[in-house]
Amino acid sequence: MSTAKIAITIEEGLLQRLDSLVKKHLFPNRSRAIQVAVADQIARIERSRLARECAKLDPNEERALSEDGLSHEVETWPNY
């Protein structure tokens, strides 16, 4: 995967905390720590969006659709 170099502005206290993690060898360098943090945050946002969309579904309607589809499929299953 290709990478791109960027410049960011970060609060001094946050940078000190970041450097502390690198010093403790939790990350090899600042760049990797920031990559992991950004990827984790994006994944968290995407999961929460999925949860919000799933919350919009009506469980009874979804169950009915599932059961209706399954009853039609059962007829085509081979007997063993």
PDB file of N, CA and C in Angstrom:
ATOM      1  N   MET A   1       0.850  -1.166   0.000  1.00  0.00           N
ATOM      2  CA  MET A   1       0.000   0.000   0.000  1.00  0.00           C
ATOM      3  C   MET A   1       0.897   1.231   0.000  1.00  0.00           C
ATOM      4  N   SER A   2       0.581   2.192  -0.836  1.00  0.00           N
ATOM      5  CA  SER A   2       1.391   3.394  -0.902  1.00  0.00           C
ATOM      6  C   SER A   2       1.036   4.338   0.244  1.00  0.00           C
ATOM      7  N   THR A   3       1.966   5.186   0.583  1.00  0.00           N
ATOM      8  CA  THR A   3       1.758   6.145   1.657  1.00  0.00           C
ATOM      9  C   THR A   3       1.984   7.547   1.127  1.00  0.00           C
ATOM     10  N   ALA A   4       1.465   8.514   1.852  1.00  0.00           N
ATOM     11  CA  ALA A   4       1.641   9.924   1.495  1.00  0.00           C
ATOM     12  C   ALA A   4       2.133  10.673   2.722  1.00  0.00           C
ATOM     13  N   LYS A   5       3.013  11.593   2.505  1.00  0.00           N
ATOM     14  CA  LYS A   5       3.540  12.403   3.599  1.00  0.00           C
ATOM     15  C   LYS A   5       2.644  13.625   3.757  1.00  0.00           C
ATOM     16  N   ILE A   6       2.262  13.910   5.011  1.00  0.00           N
ATOM     17  CA  ILE A   6       1.429  15.069   5.301  1.00  0.00           C
ATOM     18  C   ILE A   6       2.028  15.819   6.483  1.00  0.00           C
ATOM     19  N   ALA A   7       1.590  17.029   6.666  1.00  0.00           N
ATOM     20  CA  ALA A   7       1.986  17.805   7.843  1.00  0.00           C
ATOM     21  C   ALA A   7       0.732  18.020   8.681  1.00  0.00           C
ATOM     22  N   ILE A   8       0.851  17.875   9.995  1.00  0.00           N
ATOM     23  CA  ILE A   8      -0.295  18.096  10.872  1.00  0.00           C
ATOM     24  C   ILE A   8       0.093  19.066  11.976  1.00  0.00           C
ATOM     25  N   THR A   9      -0.919  19.644  12.574  1.00  0.00           N
ATOM     26  CA  THR A   9      -0.739  20.480  13.747  1.00  0.00           C
ATOM     27  C   THR A   9      -1.357  19.724  14.914  1.00  0.00           C
ATOM     28  N   ILE A  10      -0.621  19.638  16.010  1.00  0.00           N
ATOM     29  CA  ILE A  10      -1.077  18.851  17.150  1.00  0.00           C
ATOM     30  C   ILE A  10      -0.761  19.613  18.433  1.00  0.00           C
ATOM     31  N   GLU A  11      -1.631  19.507  19.408  1.00  0.00           N
ATOM     32  CA  GLU A  11      -1.404  20.165  20.694  1.00  0.00           C
ATOM     33  C   GLU A  11      -0.134  19.622  21.336  1.00  0.00           C
ATOM     34  N   GLU A  12       0.605  20.485  21.989  1.00  0.00           N
ATOM     35  CA  GLU A  12       1.879  20.109  22.601  1.00  0.00           C
ATOM     36  C   GLU A  12       1.714  18.963  23.603  1.00  0.00           C
ATOM     37  N   GLY A  13       0.693  19.029  24.447  1.00  0.00           N
ATOM     38  CA  GLY A  13       0.466  17.974  25.431  1.00  0.00           C
ATOM     39  C   GLY A  13       0.176  16.634  24.783  1.00  0.00           C
ATOM     40  N   LEU A  14      -0.596  16.658  23.718  1.00  0.00           N
ATOM     41  CA  LEU A  14      -0.907  15.430  22.997  1.00  0.00           C
ATOM     42  C   LEU A  14       0.353  14.868  22.335  1.00  0.00           C
ATOM     43  N   LEU A  15       1.184  15.743  21.815  1.00  0.00           N
ATOM     44  CA  LEU A  15       2.437  15.302  21.215  1.00  0.00           C
ATOM     45  C   LEU A  15       3.341  14.650  22.262  1.00  0.00           C
ATOM     46  N   GLN A  16       3.382  15.202  23.455  1.00  0.00           N
ATOM     47  CA  GLN A  16       4.181  14.613  24.526  1.00  0.00           C
ATOM     48  C   GLN A  16       3.677  13.218  24.878  1.00  0.00           C
ATOM     49  N   ARG A  17       2.366  13.066  24.926  1.00  0.00           N
ATOM     50  CA  ARG A  17       1.786  11.750  25.212  1.00  0.00           C
ATOM     51  C   ARG A  17       2.108  10.770  24.091  1.00  0.00           C
ATOM     52  N   LEU A  18       2.041  11.239  22.857  1.00  0.00           N
ATOM     53  CA  LEU A  18       2.371  10.412  21.699  1.00  0.00           C
ATOM     54  C   LEU A  18       3.829   9.977  21.762  1.00  0.00           C
ATOM     55  N   ASP A  19       4.712  10.924  22.046  1.00  0.00           N
ATOM     56  CA  ASP A  19       6.134  10.601  22.153  1.00  0.00           C
ATOM     57  C   ASP A  19       6.402   9.606  23.286  1.00  0.00           C
ATOM     58  N   SER A  20       5.614   9.704  24.342  1.00  0.00           N
ATOM     59  CA  SER A  20       5.761   8.758  25.453  1.00  0.00           C
ATOM     60  C   SER A  20       5.449   7.330  25.001  1.00  0.00           C
ATOM     61  N   LEU A  21       4.429   7.179  24.173  1.00  0.00           N
ATOM     62  CA  LEU A  21       4.076   5.851  23.653  1.00  0.00           C
ATOM     63  C   LEU A  21       5.182   5.298  22.755  1.00  0.00           C
ATOM     64  N   VAL A  22       5.773   6.180  21.958  1.00  0.00           N
ATOM     65  CA  VAL A  22       6.874   5.753  21.084  1.00  0.00           C
ATOM     66  C   VAL A  22       8.080   5.373  21.942  1.00  0.00           C
ATOM     67  N   LYS A  23       8.359   6.169  22.974  1.00  0.00           N
ATOM     68  CA  LYS A  23       9.496   5.882  23.845  1.00  0.00           C
ATOM     69  C   LYS A  23       9.337   4.544  24.556  1.00  0.00           C
ATOM     70  N   LYS A  24       8.082   4.188  24.893  1.00  0.00           N
ATOM     71  CA  LYS A  24       7.809   2.903  25.544  1.00  0.00           C
ATOM     72  C   LYS A  24       7.760   1.749  24.543  1.00  0.00           C
ATOM     73  N   HIS A  25       8.042   2.043  23.285  1.00  0.00           N
ATOM     74  CA  HIS A  25       8.072   1.055  22.200  1.00  0.00           C
ATOM     75  C   HIS A  25       6.705   0.438  21.912  1.00  0.00           C
ATOM     76  N   LEU A  26       5.646   1.190  22.214  1.00  0.00           N
ATOM     77  CA  LEU A  26       4.313   0.720  21.819  1.00  0.00           C
ATOM     78  C   LEU A  26       4.093   0.958  20.325  1.00  0.00           C
ATOM     79  N   PHE A  27       4.814   1.904  19.771  1.00  0.00           N
ATOM     80  CA  PHE A  27       4.803   2.193  18.333  1.00  0.00           C
ATOM     81  C   PHE A  27       6.241   2.459  17.910  1.00  0.00           C
ATOM     82  N   PRO A  28       6.588   2.116  16.678  1.00  0.00           N
ATOM     83  CA  PRO A  28       7.968   2.338  16.234  1.00  0.00           C
ATOM     84  C   PRO A  28       8.309   3.820  16.036  1.00  0.00           C
ATOM     85  N   ASN A  29       7.289   4.610  15.725  1.00  0.00           N
ATOM     86  CA  ASN A  29       7.517   6.038  15.489  1.00  0.00           C
ATOM     87  C   ASN A  29       6.196   6.800  15.548  1.00  0.00           C
ATOM     88  N   ARG A  30       6.280   8.110  15.483  1.00  0.00           N
ATOM     89  CA  ARG A  30       5.077   8.954  15.539  1.00  0.00           C
ATOM     90  C   ARG A  30       4.124   8.637  14.390  1.00  0.00           C
ATOM     91  N   SER A  31       4.675   8.482  13.201  1.00  0.00           N
ATOM     92  CA  SER A  31       3.832   8.249  12.019  1.00  0.00           C
ATOM     93  C   SER A  31       2.958   7.018  12.186  1.00  0.00           C
ATOM     94  N   ARG A  32       3.565   5.930  12.652  1.00  0.00           N
ATOM     95  CA  ARG A  32       2.798   4.689  12.817  1.00  0.00           C
ATOM     96  C   ARG A  32       1.723   4.849  13.882  1.00  0.00           C
ATOM     97  N   ALA A  33       2.051   5.536  14.968  1.00  0.00           N
ATOM     98  CA  ALA A  33       1.074   5.765  16.031  1.00  0.00           C
ATOM     99  C   ALA A  33      -0.119   6.561  15.502  1.00  0.00           C
ATOM    100  N   ILE A  34       0.162   7.574  14.720  1.00  0.00           N
ATOM    101  CA  ILE A  34      -0.921   8.402  14.165  1.00  0.00           C
ATOM    102  C   ILE A  34      -1.727   7.607  13.143  1.00  0.00           C
ATOM    103  N   GLN A  35      -1.058   6.786  12.317  1.00  0.00           N
ATOM    104  CA  GLN A  35      -1.782   5.944  11.355  1.00  0.00           C
ATOM    105  C   GLN A  35      -2.760   5.025  12.075  1.00  0.00           C
ATOM    106  N   VAL A  36      -2.299   4.381  13.139  1.00  0.00           N
ATOM    107  CA  VAL A  36      -3.149   3.458  13.896  1.00  0.00           C
ATOM    108  C   VAL A  36      -4.321   4.214  14.520  1.00  0.00           C
ATOM    109  N   ALA A  37      -4.046   5.371  15.097  1.00  0.00           N
ATOM    110  CA  ALA A  37      -5.102   6.148  15.746  1.00  0.00           C
ATOM    111  C   ALA A  37      -6.163   6.591  14.744  1.00  0.00           C
ATOM    112  N   VAL A  38      -5.733   7.048  13.584  1.00  0.00           N
ATOM    113  CA  VAL A  38      -6.685   7.493  12.561  1.00  0.00           C
ATOM    114  C   VAL A  38      -7.495   6.307  12.037  1.00  0.00           C
ATOM    115  N   ALA A  39      -6.830   5.192  11.766  1.00  0.00           N
ATOM    116  CA  ALA A  39      -7.543   4.005  11.279  1.00  0.00           C
ATOM    117  C   ALA A  39      -8.560   3.515  12.301  1.00  0.00           C
ATOM    118  N   ASP A  40      -8.175   3.503  13.589  1.00  0.00           N
ATOM    119  CA  ASP A  40      -9.106   3.074  14.636  1.00  0.00           C
ATOM    120  C   ASP A  40     -10.310   4.006  14.724  1.00  0.00           C
ATOM    121  N   GLN A  41     -10.075   5.297  14.636  1.00  0.00           N
ATOM    122  CA  GLN A  41     -11.173   6.256  14.722  1.00  0.00           C
ATOM    123  C   GLN A  41     -12.118   6.117  13.533  1.00  0.00           C
ATOM    124  N   ILE A  42     -11.574   5.949  12.342  1.00  0.00           N
ATOM    125  CA  ILE A  42     -12.415   5.758  11.159  1.00  0.00           C
ATOM    126  C   ILE A  42     -13.247   4.483  11.297  1.00  0.00           C
ATOM    127  N   ALA A  43     -12.644   3.402  11.770  1.00  0.00           N
ATOM    128  CA  ALA A  43     -13.379   2.143  11.966  1.00  0.00           C
ATOM    129  C   ALA A  43     -14.493   2.332  12.986  1.00  0.00           C
ATOM    130  N   ARG A  44     -14.218   3.063  14.053  1.00  0.00           N
ATOM    131  CA  ARG A  44     -15.227   3.324  15.086  1.00  0.00           C
ATOM    132  C   ARG A  44     -16.397   4.120  14.504  1.00  0.00           C
ATOM    133  N   ILE A  45     -16.094   5.112  13.691  1.00  0.00           N
ATOM    134  CA  ILE A  45     -17.143   5.917  13.053  1.00  0.00           C
ATOM    135  C   ILE A  45     -17.984   5.049  12.127  1.00  0.00           C
ATOM    136  N   GLU A  46     -17.321   4.200  11.347  1.00  0.00           N
ATOM    137  CA  GLU A  46     -18.056   3.331  10.421  1.00  0.00           C
ATOM    138  C   GLU A  46     -18.929   2.333  11.167  1.00  0.00           C
ATOM    139  N   ARG A  47     -18.430   1.778  12.290  1.00  0.00           N
ATOM    140  CA  ARG A  47     -19.241   0.842  13.075  1.00  0.00           C
ATOM    141  C   ARG A  47     -20.456   1.543  13.673  1.00  0.00           C
ATOM    142  N   SER A  48     -20.272   2.760  14.151  1.00  0.00           N
ATOM    143  CA  SER A  48     -21.401   3.463  14.754  1.00  0.00           C
ATOM    144  C   SER A  48     -22.434   3.814  13.683  1.00  0.00           C
ATOM    145  N   ARG A  49     -21.983   4.093  12.468  1.00  0.00           N
ATOM    146  CA  ARG A  49     -22.923   4.365  11.378  1.00  0.00           C
ATOM    147  C   ARG A  49     -23.713   3.106  11.051  1.00  0.00           C
ATOM    148  N   LEU A  50     -23.025   1.964  11.005  1.00  0.00           N
ATOM    149  CA  LEU A  50     -23.706   0.698  10.754  1.00  0.00           C
ATOM    150  C   LEU A  50     -24.728   0.414  11.848  1.00  0.00           C
ATOM    151  N   ALA A  51     -24.363   0.673  13.090  1.00  0.00           N
ATOM    152  CA  ALA A  51     -25.286   0.442  14.204  1.00  0.00           C
ATOM    153  C   ALA A  51     -26.506   1.351  14.081  1.00  0.00           C
ATOM    154  N   ARG A  52     -26.287   2.604  13.694  1.00  0.00           N
ATOM    155  CA  ARG A  52     -27.428   3.527  13.520  1.00  0.00           C
ATOM    156  C   ARG A  52     -28.358   3.051  12.410  1.00  0.00           C
ATOM    157  N   GLU A  53     -27.764   2.575  11.313  1.00  0.00           N
ATOM    158  CA  GLU A  53     -28.582   2.084  10.206  1.00  0.00           C
ATOM    159  C   GLU A  53     -29.343   0.818  10.599  1.00  0.00           C
ATOM    160  N   CYS A  54     -28.692  -0.073  11.333  1.00  0.00           N
ATOM    161  CA  CYS A  54     -29.352  -1.306  11.785  1.00  0.00           C
ATOM    162  C   CYS A  54     -30.491  -0.991  12.750  1.00  0.00           C
ATOM    163  N   ALA A  55     -30.320   0.045  13.549  1.00  0.00           N
ATOM    164  CA  ALA A  55     -31.358   0.421  14.509  1.00  0.00           C
ATOM    165  C   ALA A  55     -32.627   0.876  13.800  1.00  0.00           C
ATOM    166  N   LYS A  56     -32.511   1.284  12.558  1.00  0.00           N
ATOM    167  CA  LYS A  56     -33.670   1.735  11.784  1.00  0.00           C
ATOM    168  C   LYS A  56     -34.525   0.559  11.298  1.00  0.00           C
ATOM    169  N   LEU A  57     -33.947  -0.638  11.311  1.00  0.00           N
ATOM    170  CA  LEU A  57     -34.673  -1.804  10.818  1.00  0.00           C
ATOM    171  C   LEU A  57     -35.745  -2.232  11.816  1.00  0.00           C
ATOM    172  N   ASP A  58     -36.855  -2.708  11.288  1.00  0.00           N
ATOM    173  CA  ASP A  58     -37.936  -3.227  12.119  1.00  0.00           C
ATOM    174  C   ASP A  58     -37.700  -4.730  12.303  1.00  0.00           C
ATOM    175  N   PRO A  59     -37.419  -5.169  13.532  1.00  0.00           N
ATOM    176  CA  PRO A  59     -37.117  -6.593  13.759  1.00  0.00           C
ATOM    177  C   PRO A  59     -38.229  -7.526  13.280  1.00  0.00           C
ATOM    178  N   ASN A  60     -39.469  -7.141  13.476  1.00  0.00           N
ATOM    179  CA  ASN A  60     -40.587  -7.997  13.051  1.00  0.00           C
ATOM    180  C   ASN A  60     -40.636  -8.122  11.533  1.00  0.00           C
ATOM    181  N   GLU A  61     -40.415  -7.028  10.843  1.00  0.00           N
ATOM    182  CA  GLU A  61     -40.416  -7.068   9.382  1.00  0.00           C
ATOM    183  C   GLU A  61     -39.238  -7.890   8.867  1.00  0.00           C
ATOM    184  N   GLU A  62     -38.084  -7.724   9.465  1.00  0.00           N
ATOM    185  CA  GLU A  62     -36.907  -8.485   9.046  1.00  0.00           C
ATOM    186  C   GLU A  62     -37.115  -9.978   9.288  1.00  0.00           C
ATOM    187  N   ARG A  63     -37.710 -10.336  10.433  1.00  0.00           N
ATOM    188  CA  ARG A  63     -37.989 -11.738  10.740  1.00  0.00           C
ATOM    189  C   ARG A  63     -38.970 -12.310   9.726  1.00  0.00           C
ATOM    190  N   ALA A  64     -40.005 -11.547   9.397  1.00  0.00           N
ATOM    191  CA  ALA A  64     -41.003 -12.018   8.433  1.00  0.00           C
ATOM    192  C   ALA A  64     -40.362 -12.234   7.064  1.00  0.00           C
ATOM    193  N   LEU A  65     -39.517 -11.315   6.646  1.00  0.00           N
ATOM    194  CA  LEU A  65     -38.835 -11.469   5.362  1.00  0.00           C
ATOM    195  C   LEU A  65     -37.936 -12.706   5.377  1.00  0.00           C
ATOM    196  N   SER A  66     -37.254 -12.908   6.473  1.00  0.00           N
ATOM    197  CA  SER A  66     -36.362 -14.056   6.596  1.00  0.00           C
ATOM    198  C   SER A  66     -37.148 -15.358   6.545  1.00  0.00           C
ATOM    199  N   GLU A  67     -38.198 -15.427   7.317  1.00  0.00           N
ATOM    200  CA  GLU A  67     -38.993 -16.650   7.358  1.00  0.00           C
ATOM    201  C   GLU A  67     -39.683 -16.918   6.034  1.00  0.00           C
ATOM    202  N   ASP A  68     -40.137 -15.879   5.363  1.00  0.00           N
ATOM    203  CA  ASP A  68     -40.786 -16.038   4.076  1.00  0.00           C
ATOM    204  C   ASP A  68     -39.785 -16.577   3.052  1.00  0.00           C
ATOM    205  N   GLY A  69     -38.591 -15.989   3.031  1.00  0.00           N
ATOM    206  CA  GLY A  69     -37.565 -16.450   2.094  1.00  0.00           C
ATOM    207  C   GLY A  69     -37.129 -17.868   2.395  1.00  0.00           C
ATOM    208  N   LEU A  70     -37.022 -18.210   3.649  1.00  0.00           N
ATOM    209  CA  LEU A  70     -36.586 -19.537   4.045  1.00  0.00           C
ATOM    210  C   LEU A  70     -37.628 -20.590   3.670  1.00  0.00           C
ATOM    211  N   SER A  71     -38.896 -20.273   3.833  1.00  0.00           N
ATOM    212  CA  SER A  71     -39.928 -21.270   3.523  1.00  0.00           C
ATOM    213  C   SER A  71     -39.924 -21.619   2.037  1.00  0.00           C
ATOM    214  N   HIS A  72     -39.606 -20.647   1.198  1.00  0.00           N
ATOM    215  CA  HIS A  72     -39.539 -20.940  -0.238  1.00  0.00           C
ATOM    216  C   HIS A  72     -38.296 -21.753  -0.568  1.00  0.00           C
ATOM    217  N   GLU A  73     -37.216 -21.510   0.130  1.00  0.00           N
ATOM    218  CA  GLU A  73     -35.974 -22.236  -0.122  1.00  0.00           C
ATOM    219  C   GLU A  73     -36.058 -23.685   0.338  1.00  0.00           C
ATOM    220  N   VAL A  74     -36.723 -23.940   1.440  1.00  0.00           N
ATOM    221  CA  VAL A  74     -36.784 -25.282   2.006  1.00  0.00           C
ATOM    222  C   VAL A  74     -37.343 -26.271   0.999  1.00  0.00           C
ATOM    223  N   GLU A  75     -38.272 -25.821   0.201  1.00  0.00           N
ATOM    224  CA  GLU A  75     -38.900 -26.697  -0.795  1.00  0.00           C
ATOM    225  C   GLU A  75     -37.884 -27.177  -1.849  1.00  0.00           C
ATOM    226  N   THR A  76     -36.837 -26.398  -2.069  1.00  0.00           N
ATOM    227  CA  THR A  76     -35.858 -26.753  -3.104  1.00  0.00           C
ATOM    228  C   THR A  76     -34.669 -27.534  -2.547  1.00  0.00           C
ATOM    229  N   TRP A  77     -34.598 -27.677  -1.212  1.00  0.00           N
ATOM    230  CA  TRP A  77     -33.490 -28.413  -0.610  1.00  0.00           C
ATOM    231  C   TRP A  77     -33.610 -29.902  -0.916  1.00  0.00           C
ATOM    232  N   PRO A  78     -32.492 -30.548  -1.190  1.00  0.00           N
ATOM    233  CA  PRO A  78     -32.556 -31.997  -1.463  1.00  0.00           C
ATOM    234  C   PRO A  78     -32.786 -32.780  -0.167  1.00  0.00           C
ATOM    235  N   ASN A  79     -33.435 -33.917  -0.293  1.00  0.00           N
ATOM    236  CA  ASN A  79     -33.628 -34.808   0.861  1.00  0.00           C
ATOM    237  C   ASN A  79     -32.408 -35.699   0.981  1.00  0.00           C
ATOM    238  N   TYR A  80     -31.962 -35.889   2.208  1.00  0.00           N
ATOM    239  CA  TYR A  80     -30.781 -36.725   2.446  1.00  0.00           C
ATOM    240  C   TYR A  80     -31.181 -37.975   3.174  1.00  0.00           C
TER     241      TYR A  80
END
